[in-house]
């Protein structure tokens, strides 16, 4: 008993000492608070300037009610099965093969088969051999190349698309637009052009941020039935109802005058509907001509979607437009922190640069994830602040891996390289460490510029690692 009393006494004394030390440190911290790093600009670590991720998004109530009403009234047969098929089709869709590539392959196959036929010369006449070779060439081309087909949206397919993709598409566009809203709070667009507008989700997402200033929203889609569905959504599925968003104009073709510009131009999930690389390039150039401030392009977060966006990025950075009305050059606003060639394209196994946003679907109570790729180009060159002079804002291109007293960050750096950085408070500072732990995939974090002495080594994904 005496021994137990002695041990208890010692433990109590130690606990008392620890409490006094903690209290002393707390008082000291309160009396002499550590100044926050300049790059925080007075914001708390959880809302540092690089944070652009959003919590789980929901469709606006008016849009949700209207969509459910339209779907219910349409009575599309086998709707769940058609939703699944359309979703899988859109996600696995590839770009159409260029005619030049098909011709080159056909000529090569034909030469090879003729050579083989000459070596195995028999009693068959030349015309019979030619017919067989032609048949074999066509069969091999169909087997080798992806057969791209355009989607023609009638009212029924439009309703299936609404049920399958509207909520996820809205979430992706909202997340991308939030990048502009957060990083350029002074931007107050008065006009919007949405190319390939579909169900009008870009108009709804833009209205969520700039309802007070937007007074002209032009939605262009070649499908008349889709324009009708988009208008029904605006009017809560009431033909004589009043539109929830004012000044929305639906068109099947772009405005004729090349000099007409819009503050914000957007095109979501539309480049993948354009059959050839040449036509996609022309569309991107046309959209850039009509851009006064920002151009937003969004695609599915697949390898194909990412590559189409990188082609558009190269087109604008290389200034391929032969007719220039606005001489202000294009620069990359997001997600790339640089204007060099995308380092992801250089990897052996091409991993697309994509991001994700949680959202609530039209039906059900379980949130889902939309994985997407996006590109924002701007004519407005941002002047770097004094705080940016000592840090490099790098983009998180993968989910964080938080561990005890350190966090793994896979970054795309402003120098155009990928890097796996292990951030700790002792090495990178308390502020940067807390910012890293509060960030999510797609955010930007500031890495101090004095980290040049780090040693790099390859990780399992072929990306450099910094310890």
Protein backbone atom coordinates (compact mmCIF):
# COMPACT_ATOMS: atom_id res chain seq x y z
CA UNK A 1 0.00 0.00 0.00
CA UNK A 2 2.86 2.35 0.87
CA UNK A 3 4.44 1.67 -2.52
CA UNK A 4 1.18 2.39 -4.35
CA UNK A 5 0.73 5.65 -2.46
CA UNK A 6 4.28 6.70 -3.35
CA UNK A 7 3.75 5.94 -7.07
CA UNK A 8 0.44 7.81 -7.05
CA UNK A 9 2.12 10.80 -5.42
CA UNK A 10 4.91 10.85 -8.03
CA UNK A 11 2.40 10.62 -10.91
CA UNK A 12 0.34 13.46 -9.47
CA UNK A 13 3.45 15.66 -9.14
CA UNK A 14 4.44 14.94 -12.75
CA UNK A 15 0.94 15.70 -13.99
CA UNK A 16 1.00 18.97 -12.07
CA UNK A 17 4.33 19.92 -13.66
CA UNK A 18 3.03 19.09 -17.17
CA UNK A 19 -0.09 21.21 -16.59
CA UNK A 20 2.04 24.16 -15.44
CA UNK A 21 4.29 23.86 -18.53
CA UNK A 22 1.31 23.69 -20.90
CA UNK A 23 -0.36 26.64 -19.17
CA UNK A 24 2.88 28.63 -19.32
CA UNK A 25 3.24 27.93 -23.06
CA UNK A 26 -0.37 28.86 -23.72
CA UNK A 27 0.05 32.17 -21.88
CA UNK A 28 3.26 32.83 -23.76
CA UNK A 29 1.59 32.09 -27.10
CA UNK A 30 -1.32 34.33 -26.21
CA UNK A 31 0.98 37.16 -25.16
CA UNK A 32 3.31 36.72 -28.15
CA UNK A 33 1.28 35.13 -31.00
CA UNK A 34 3.26 33.85 -33.98
CA UNK A 35 2.68 36.01 -37.05
CA UNK A 36 1.11 34.09 -39.92
CA UNK A 37 2.95 33.76 -43.21
CA UNK A 38 2.27 36.49 -45.76
CA UNK A 39 0.88 34.04 -48.31
CA UNK A 40 -2.12 33.40 -46.03
CA UNK A 41 -3.26 37.01 -46.54
CA UNK A 42 -4.92 36.97 -43.15
CA UNK A 43 -7.01 33.85 -43.88
CA UNK A 44 -7.14 30.84 -41.52
CA UNK A 45 -5.23 27.74 -42.63
CA UNK A 46 -8.40 25.86 -43.57
CA UNK A 47 -9.37 28.64 -45.97
CA UNK A 48 -5.97 29.62 -47.31
CA UNK A 49 -5.87 31.33 -50.75
CA UNK A 50 -5.13 28.07 -52.57
CA UNK A 51 -8.32 26.33 -51.42
CA UNK A 52 -10.87 26.00 -54.23
CA UNK A 53 -12.48 22.64 -53.42
CA UNK A 54 -16.16 22.57 -52.53
CA UNK A 55 -18.23 20.46 -50.20
CA UNK A 56 -20.85 18.11 -51.60
CA UNK A 57 -22.92 20.06 -54.13
CA UNK A 58 -26.66 19.88 -54.70
CA UNK A 59 -28.66 21.07 -57.67
CA UNK A 60 -30.61 24.28 -57.04
CA UNK A 61 -34.06 23.39 -55.70
CA UNK A 62 -35.81 24.94 -58.71
CA UNK A 63 -33.68 22.92 -61.13
CA UNK A 64 -34.08 19.70 -59.14
CA UNK A 65 -37.89 19.95 -59.01
CA UNK A 66 -38.13 20.79 -62.73
CA UNK A 67 -35.83 17.91 -63.75
CA UNK A 68 -37.79 15.37 -61.72
CA UNK A 69 -41.05 16.64 -63.20
CA UNK A 70 -39.77 16.35 -66.78
CA UNK A 71 -38.37 12.85 -66.20
CA UNK A 72 -41.60 11.66 -64.59
CA UNK A 73 -43.78 13.07 -67.38
CA UNK A 74 -41.59 11.67 -70.16
CA UNK A 75 -42.13 8.06 -69.04
CA UNK A 76 -38.98 6.78 -70.80
CA UNK A 77 -39.00 2.99 -70.84
CA UNK A 78 -36.14 1.06 -69.20
CA UNK A 79 -34.71 4.32 -67.89
CA UNK A 80 -32.26 2.86 -65.29
CA UNK A 81 -30.76 0.54 -67.90
CA UNK A 82 -30.45 3.36 -70.45
CA UNK A 83 -28.83 5.64 -67.85
CA UNK A 84 -26.19 2.99 -67.16
CA UNK A 85 -25.50 2.39 -70.86
CA UNK A 86 -25.23 6.09 -71.70
CA UNK A 87 -22.95 6.76 -68.72
CA UNK A 88 -20.61 3.91 -69.71
CA UNK A 89 -20.65 5.01 -73.35
CA UNK A 90 -19.72 8.61 -72.57
CA UNK A 91 -16.96 7.62 -70.13
CA UNK A 92 -15.34 5.12 -72.51
CA UNK A 93 -15.71 7.29 -75.60
CA UNK A 94 -12.56 8.05 -77.58
CA UNK A 95 -11.72 10.65 -80.17
CA UNK A 96 -12.48 9.80 -83.77
CA UNK A 97 -9.52 8.51 -85.76
CA UNK A 98 -8.17 10.97 -88.32
CA UNK A 99 -8.71 10.03 -91.98
CA UNK A 100 -4.98 10.33 -92.68
CA UNK A 101 -4.20 7.69 -90.04
CA UNK A 102 -6.81 5.32 -91.50
CA UNK A 103 -5.46 5.77 -95.04
CA UNK A 104 -1.88 5.19 -93.92
CA UNK A 105 -2.85 1.98 -92.13
CA UNK A 106 -4.93 0.79 -95.11
CA UNK A 107 -2.07 1.30 -97.60
CA UNK A 108 0.37 -0.52 -95.29
CA UNK A 109 -1.99 -3.48 -94.87
CA UNK A 110 -2.73 -3.66 -98.57
CA UNK A 111 0.97 -3.76 -99.49
CA UNK A 112 1.60 -6.48 -96.91
CA UNK A 113 -1.31 -8.62 -98.12
CA UNK A 114 -0.39 -8.22 -101.80
CA UNK A 115 3.16 -9.31 -101.03
CA UNK A 116 1.86 -12.37 -99.22
CA UNK A 117 -0.57 -13.13 -102.08
CA UNK A 118 2.23 -12.96 -104.67
CA UNK A 119 4.30 -15.43 -102.65
CA UNK A 120 1.33 -17.81 -102.49
CA UNK A 121 0.31 -17.36 -106.13
CA UNK A 122 -2.32 -19.88 -107.15
CA UNK A 123 -4.99 -20.34 -109.75
CA UNK A 124 -7.07 -17.34 -108.56
CA UNK A 125 -7.33 -14.39 -110.93
CA UNK A 126 -6.11 -10.94 -109.95
CA UNK A 127 -9.58 -9.46 -109.43
CA UNK A 128 -10.55 -12.21 -106.96
CA UNK A 129 -7.33 -11.65 -105.00
CA UNK A 130 -7.95 -7.89 -104.98
CA UNK A 131 -11.48 -8.39 -103.64
CA UNK A 132 -10.24 -10.68 -100.86
CA UNK A 133 -7.50 -8.23 -99.91
CA UNK A 134 -9.96 -5.35 -99.82
CA UNK A 135 -12.26 -7.39 -97.56
CA UNK A 136 -9.40 -8.28 -95.21
CA UNK A 137 -8.22 -4.66 -95.06
CA UNK A 138 -11.69 -3.38 -94.17
CA UNK A 139 -12.09 -6.09 -91.52
CA UNK A 140 -8.74 -5.24 -89.94
CA UNK A 141 -9.45 -1.50 -89.94
CA UNK A 142 -12.78 -2.08 -88.17
CA UNK A 143 -11.03 -4.28 -85.61
CA UNK A 144 -8.09 -1.91 -85.06
CA UNK A 145 -9.64 1.54 -84.99
CA UNK A 146 -12.27 2.99 -82.67
CA UNK A 147 -15.54 3.52 -84.51
CA UNK A 148 -16.68 7.02 -83.53
CA UNK A 149 -20.35 7.86 -83.97
CA UNK A 150 -22.06 11.20 -83.25
CA UNK A 151 -24.79 11.41 -80.63
CA UNK A 152 -28.02 12.88 -81.96
CA UNK A 153 -30.07 14.16 -79.05
CA UNK A 154 -33.82 13.91 -79.54
CA UNK A 155 -36.18 14.61 -76.64
CA UNK A 156 -36.05 11.06 -75.28
CA UNK A 157 -32.25 10.81 -75.31
CA UNK A 158 -32.12 14.31 -73.81
CA UNK A 159 -34.21 13.08 -70.86
CA UNK A 160 -31.93 10.06 -70.42
CA UNK A 161 -28.92 12.41 -70.44
CA UNK A 162 -30.66 14.62 -67.87
CA UNK A 163 -31.15 11.70 -65.51
CA UNK A 164 -27.63 10.36 -66.09
CA UNK A 165 -25.33 13.38 -66.26
CA UNK A 166 -26.97 16.68 -65.35
CA UNK A 167 -26.18 16.64 -61.62
CA UNK A 168 -22.58 15.53 -62.16
CA UNK A 169 -22.02 17.99 -65.00
CA UNK A 170 -23.38 20.83 -62.88
CA UNK A 171 -21.02 19.86 -60.04
CA UNK A 172 -17.97 19.81 -62.34
CA UNK A 173 -18.75 23.23 -63.83
CA UNK A 174 -19.46 24.74 -60.40
CA UNK A 175 -16.12 23.45 -59.10
CA UNK A 176 -14.25 24.87 -62.11
CA UNK A 177 -15.99 28.25 -61.92
CA UNK A 178 -15.20 28.43 -58.21
CA UNK A 179 -11.54 28.70 -59.22
CA UNK A 180 -12.30 32.01 -60.95
CA UNK A 181 -14.59 33.23 -58.17
CA UNK A 182 -12.03 32.51 -55.44
CA UNK A 183 -8.89 33.74 -57.17
CA UNK A 184 -10.39 36.74 -58.98
CA UNK A 185 -13.08 38.12 -56.65
CA UNK A 186 -13.25 41.37 -58.62
CA UNK A 187 -14.43 39.55 -61.75
CA UNK A 188 -18.11 40.40 -62.32
CA UNK A 189 -19.17 39.11 -65.75
CA UNK A 190 -22.10 40.73 -67.47
CA UNK A 191 -22.28 38.35 -70.44
CA UNK A 192 -21.90 34.58 -70.83
CA UNK A 193 -21.62 32.37 -73.93
CA UNK A 194 -22.14 28.63 -73.45
CA UNK A 195 -21.16 26.58 -76.52
CA UNK A 196 -22.77 23.14 -76.60
CA UNK A 197 -25.06 24.23 -73.80
CA UNK A 198 -27.17 21.07 -73.64
CA UNK A 199 -29.45 21.30 -70.61
CA UNK A 200 -28.12 24.73 -69.60
CA UNK A 201 -26.11 23.61 -66.56
CA UNK A 202 -23.40 26.21 -67.24
CA UNK A 203 -26.02 28.97 -67.02
CA UNK A 204 -27.27 27.59 -63.69
CA UNK A 205 -23.73 27.20 -62.29
CA UNK A 206 -22.73 30.72 -63.41
CA UNK A 207 -25.93 32.18 -61.97
CA UNK A 208 -24.99 30.67 -58.58
CA UNK A 209 -21.91 32.94 -58.48
CA UNK A 210 -22.77 36.04 -60.51
CA UNK A 211 -26.56 36.39 -60.41
CA UNK A 212 -26.28 40.11 -59.63
CA UNK A 213 -24.21 41.02 -62.69
CA UNK A 214 -25.02 38.55 -65.49
CA UNK A 215 -27.56 40.17 -67.78
CA UNK A 216 -26.96 38.23 -70.99
CA UNK A 217 -26.62 34.44 -71.17
CA UNK A 218 -26.41 33.00 -74.69
CA UNK A 219 -26.78 29.20 -74.86
CA UNK A 220 -25.77 27.63 -78.18
CA UNK A 221 -26.61 24.01 -79.01
CA UNK A 222 -27.24 22.49 -82.41
CA UNK A 223 -29.92 20.19 -80.95
CA UNK A 224 -33.32 21.86 -80.97
CA UNK A 225 -34.82 19.28 -78.54
CA UNK A 226 -32.05 19.96 -76.02
CA UNK A 227 -32.72 23.70 -76.20
CA UNK A 228 -36.40 23.03 -75.55
CA UNK A 229 -35.57 20.85 -72.52
CA UNK A 230 -33.20 23.53 -71.18
CA UNK A 231 -35.93 26.15 -71.47
CA UNK A 232 -38.42 23.85 -69.71
CA UNK A 233 -35.93 23.48 -66.85
CA UNK A 234 -35.68 27.26 -66.54
CA UNK A 235 -39.48 27.55 -66.40
CA UNK A 236 -39.96 24.76 -63.83
CA UNK A 237 -41.52 22.55 -66.52
CA UNK A 238 -44.34 25.06 -66.94
CA UNK A 239 -44.78 26.28 -70.51
CA UNK A 240 -46.36 29.53 -69.33
CA UNK A 241 -44.16 29.91 -66.25
CA UNK A 242 -41.58 32.60 -65.67
CA UNK A 243 -37.93 31.68 -66.20
CA UNK A 244 -35.95 31.34 -62.97
CA UNK A 245 -32.91 32.94 -64.66
CA UNK A 246 -33.59 36.06 -66.70
CA UNK A 247 -32.05 37.06 -70.03
CA UNK A 248 -31.20 33.53 -71.23
CA UNK A 249 -31.25 33.23 -75.02
CA UNK A 250 -31.13 29.90 -76.87
CA UNK A 251 -29.49 29.60 -80.26
CA UNK A 252 -28.52 26.74 -82.58
CA UNK A 253 -25.52 28.59 -84.00
CA UNK A 254 -22.84 30.96 -82.70
CA UNK A 255 -23.33 34.73 -83.13
CA UNK A 256 -22.30 35.68 -86.65
CA UNK A 257 -20.16 38.74 -85.92
CA UNK A 258 -16.57 37.72 -85.04
CA UNK A 259 -16.10 40.95 -83.07
CA UNK A 260 -18.84 40.18 -80.50
CA UNK A 261 -17.19 39.14 -77.22
CA UNK A 262 -18.47 37.78 -73.90
CA UNK A 263 -16.91 38.24 -70.47
CA UNK A 264 -17.11 34.50 -69.80
CA UNK A 265 -17.14 31.79 -72.48
CA UNK A 266 -17.67 28.15 -71.53
CA UNK A 267 -17.96 24.79 -73.24
CA UNK A 268 -18.62 21.71 -71.11
CA UNK A 269 -18.38 18.14 -72.45
CA UNK A 270 -18.61 19.43 -76.04
CA UNK A 271 -15.14 18.98 -77.57
CA UNK A 272 -15.68 15.21 -77.40
CA UNK A 273 -18.75 15.67 -79.64
CA UNK A 274 -16.67 17.26 -82.43
CA UNK A 275 -15.52 14.60 -84.93
CA UNK A 276 -12.02 15.72 -85.99
CA UNK A 277 -8.96 17.41 -84.53
CA UNK A 278 -9.11 20.14 -87.18
CA UNK A 279 -12.73 20.96 -86.33
CA UNK A 280 -11.94 20.99 -82.60
CA UNK A 281 -9.07 23.39 -83.22
CA UNK A 282 -11.31 25.70 -85.26
CA UNK A 283 -13.99 25.60 -82.54
CA UNK A 284 -11.48 26.49 -79.83
CA UNK A 285 -10.09 29.39 -81.88
CA UNK A 286 -13.62 30.68 -82.51
CA UNK A 287 -14.48 30.50 -78.81
CA UNK A 288 -11.27 32.32 -77.92
CA UNK A 289 -12.10 35.12 -80.34
CA UNK A 290 -15.37 35.58 -78.46
CA UNK A 291 -13.65 35.61 -75.06
CA UNK A 292 -13.18 38.96 -73.36
CA UNK A 293 -11.80 37.65 -70.05
CA UNK A 294 -12.09 33.91 -69.30
CA UNK A 295 -12.59 30.76 -71.37
CA UNK A 296 -13.60 27.58 -69.52
CA UNK A 297 -13.42 24.11 -71.10
CA UNK A 298 -14.59 21.01 -69.20
CA UNK A 299 -14.39 17.37 -70.29
CA UNK A 300 -14.71 13.92 -68.75
CA UNK A 301 -11.76 13.03 -66.52
CA UNK A 302 -10.45 10.40 -68.90
CA UNK A 303 -7.22 10.17 -70.87
CA UNK A 304 -9.14 11.27 -73.97
CA UNK A 305 -10.74 14.24 -72.21
CA UNK A 306 -7.41 15.41 -70.80
CA UNK A 307 -5.65 15.13 -74.15
CA UNK A 308 -8.34 17.12 -75.95
CA UNK A 309 -7.96 19.91 -73.39
CA UNK A 310 -4.18 19.88 -73.80
CA UNK A 311 -4.62 20.16 -77.58
CA UNK A 312 -6.86 23.20 -77.00
CA UNK A 313 -4.30 24.65 -74.58
CA UNK A 314 -1.50 24.29 -77.16
CA UNK A 315 -3.68 25.84 -79.88
CA UNK A 316 -4.23 28.98 -77.82
CA UNK A 317 -0.72 29.30 -76.39
CA UNK A 318 0.80 28.89 -79.86
CA UNK A 319 -1.55 31.59 -81.17
CA UNK A 320 -2.76 29.62 -84.20
CA UNK A 321 -5.50 32.12 -84.98
CA UNK A 322 -4.76 33.79 -88.30
CA UNK A 323 -7.38 36.52 -87.83
CA UNK A 324 -6.80 38.50 -84.64
CA UNK A 325 -9.33 41.03 -83.37
CA UNK A 326 -8.18 41.07 -79.73
CA UNK A 327 -4.39 41.22 -79.47
CA UNK A 328 -4.23 40.30 -75.77
CA UNK A 329 -2.41 36.94 -75.59
CA UNK A 330 -3.78 33.80 -73.97
CA UNK A 331 -2.38 32.61 -70.66
CA UNK A 332 -3.22 29.59 -68.52
CA UNK A 333 -5.25 30.39 -65.41
CA UNK A 334 -6.02 26.88 -64.15
CA UNK A 335 -5.36 24.12 -63.37
CA UNK A 336 -1.80 24.26 -64.74
CA UNK A 337 0.59 26.43 -62.65
CA UNK A 338 2.81 26.80 -65.74
CA UNK A 339 2.62 27.07 -69.52
CA UNK A 340 5.09 24.30 -70.36
CA UNK A 341 4.07 21.01 -71.95
CA UNK A 342 1.89 19.00 -69.58
CA UNK A 343 4.28 16.68 -67.70
CA UNK A 344 1.54 14.05 -67.38
CA UNK A 345 1.67 13.51 -71.15
CA UNK A 346 5.33 12.53 -70.86
CA UNK A 347 4.66 9.62 -68.49
CA UNK A 348 4.89 6.12 -69.99
CA UNK A 349 1.46 5.18 -68.68
CA UNK A 350 -0.47 8.34 -69.44
CA UNK A 351 -2.38 9.18 -66.27
CA UNK A 352 -4.88 11.95 -67.03
CA UNK A 353 -4.81 15.18 -65.08
CA UNK A 354 -8.26 15.07 -63.53
CA UNK A 355 -10.11 16.17 -60.42
CA UNK A 356 -13.25 15.18 -58.57
CA UNK A 357 -16.31 16.78 -57.02
CA UNK A 358 -18.86 15.18 -54.71
CA UNK A 359 -22.52 15.80 -55.51
CA UNK A 360 -26.02 14.60 -54.73
CA UNK A 361 -27.73 12.84 -57.66
CA UNK A 362 -31.23 13.56 -58.90
CA UNK A 363 -32.56 10.59 -56.97
CA UNK A 364 -31.28 8.90 -53.82
CA UNK A 365 -29.50 10.05 -50.69
CA UNK A 366 -25.99 8.72 -51.35
CA UNK A 367 -23.53 11.27 -52.72
CA UNK A 368 -21.62 10.44 -55.88
CA UNK A 369 -18.34 11.60 -57.40
CA UNK A 370 -17.88 13.35 -60.73
CA UNK A 371 -14.37 12.97 -62.11
CA UNK A 372 -13.52 15.63 -64.68
CA UNK A 373 -10.73 17.55 -66.38
CA UNK A 374 -10.87 21.28 -67.03
CA UNK A 375 -8.94 24.17 -68.52
CA UNK A 376 -9.31 27.90 -67.86
CA UNK A 377 -7.58 30.35 -70.18
CA UNK A 378 -7.56 34.09 -69.62
CA UNK A 379 -6.66 37.35 -71.30
CA UNK A 380 -6.12 38.96 -67.89
CA UNK A 381 -2.53 38.50 -66.75
CA UNK A 382 -2.45 38.47 -62.95
CA UNK A 383 0.25 40.52 -61.27
CA UNK A 384 2.11 38.46 -58.66
CA UNK A 385 1.75 39.78 -55.11
CA UNK A 386 4.61 40.26 -52.66
CA UNK A 387 3.56 37.07 -50.87
CA UNK A 388 3.88 35.08 -54.11
CA UNK A 389 7.49 36.25 -54.46
CA UNK A 390 8.66 33.80 -51.77
CA UNK A 391 6.48 30.79 -52.57
CA UNK A 392 5.49 28.72 -55.59
CA UNK A 393 1.81 27.86 -55.77
CA UNK A 394 1.73 24.25 -56.89
CA UNK A 395 -1.36 22.21 -57.81
CA UNK A 396 -2.31 19.05 -55.89
CA UNK A 397 -2.91 16.48 -58.63
CA UNK A 398 -3.82 13.50 -56.43
CA UNK A 399 -5.49 12.84 -53.08
CA UNK A 400 -3.41 13.77 -50.04
CA UNK A 401 -1.97 11.07 -47.80
CA UNK A 402 -1.96 12.50 -44.26
CA UNK A 403 0.26 10.70 -41.75
CA UNK A 404 1.51 11.44 -38.24
CA UNK A 405 3.33 14.80 -38.37
CA UNK A 406 3.77 14.67 -42.15
CA UNK A 407 1.63 14.69 -45.28
CA UNK A 408 2.35 13.32 -48.76
CA UNK A 409 1.56 15.81 -51.55
CA UNK A 410 1.78 15.00 -55.25
CA UNK A 411 2.19 18.29 -57.05
CA UNK A 412 2.44 19.91 -60.43
CA UNK A 413 5.01 22.66 -59.95
CA UNK A 414 5.33 26.10 -61.62
CA UNK A 415 8.53 24.89 -63.32
CA UNK A 416 6.49 22.33 -65.28
CA UNK A 417 7.58 19.25 -63.33
CA UNK A 418 5.71 16.74 -61.20
CA UNK A 419 6.91 16.26 -57.65
CA UNK A 420 6.01 14.13 -54.65
CA UNK A 421 6.70 16.29 -51.59
CA UNK A 422 6.56 15.07 -48.00
CA UNK A 423 5.55 18.20 -46.06
CA UNK A 424 6.50 18.53 -42.40
CA UNK A 425 6.28 21.42 -39.95
CA UNK A 426 9.98 21.20 -39.09
CA UNK A 427 11.13 21.47 -42.69
CA UNK A 428 8.47 23.57 -44.40
CA UNK A 429 7.17 25.62 -41.48
CA UNK A 430 4.06 25.37 -39.34
CA UNK A 431 1.88 27.51 -41.64
CA UNK A 432 2.62 25.61 -44.82
CA UNK A 433 2.24 22.26 -43.02
CA UNK A 434 -1.19 23.22 -41.66
CA UNK A 435 -2.23 24.52 -45.08
CA UNK A 436 -1.20 21.22 -46.66
CA UNK A 437 -3.20 19.19 -44.14
CA UNK A 438 -6.26 21.38 -44.78
CA UNK A 439 -6.07 21.07 -48.56
CA UNK A 440 -7.67 18.57 -50.91
CA UNK A 441 -7.07 17.17 -54.36
CA UNK A 442 -7.24 20.05 -56.85
CA UNK A 443 -6.26 22.82 -54.43
CA UNK A 444 -3.04 24.81 -54.67
CA UNK A 445 -0.47 24.90 -51.88
CA UNK A 446 2.53 27.23 -51.50
CA UNK A 447 5.89 25.47 -51.47
CA UNK A 448 8.76 27.71 -50.32
CA UNK A 449 11.34 28.46 -53.00
CA UNK A 450 14.34 27.56 -50.83
CA UNK A 451 13.71 23.81 -51.21
CA UNK A 452 16.18 23.43 -54.09
CA UNK A 453 18.54 21.20 -52.09
CA UNK A 454 16.00 18.34 -51.89
CA UNK A 455 16.98 14.97 -53.32
CA UNK A 456 14.62 13.42 -55.86
CA UNK A 457 13.91 9.77 -56.42
CA UNK A 458 11.30 7.93 -58.47
CA UNK A 459 8.17 6.61 -56.79
CA UNK A 460 5.93 3.85 -58.08
CA UNK A 461 4.10 6.14 -60.51
CA UNK A 462 7.25 7.46 -62.11
CA UNK A 463 6.87 10.84 -60.41
CA UNK A 464 9.79 12.44 -58.56
CA UNK A 465 9.71 12.26 -54.79
CA UNK A 466 11.06 14.91 -52.40
CA UNK A 467 11.74 13.93 -48.79
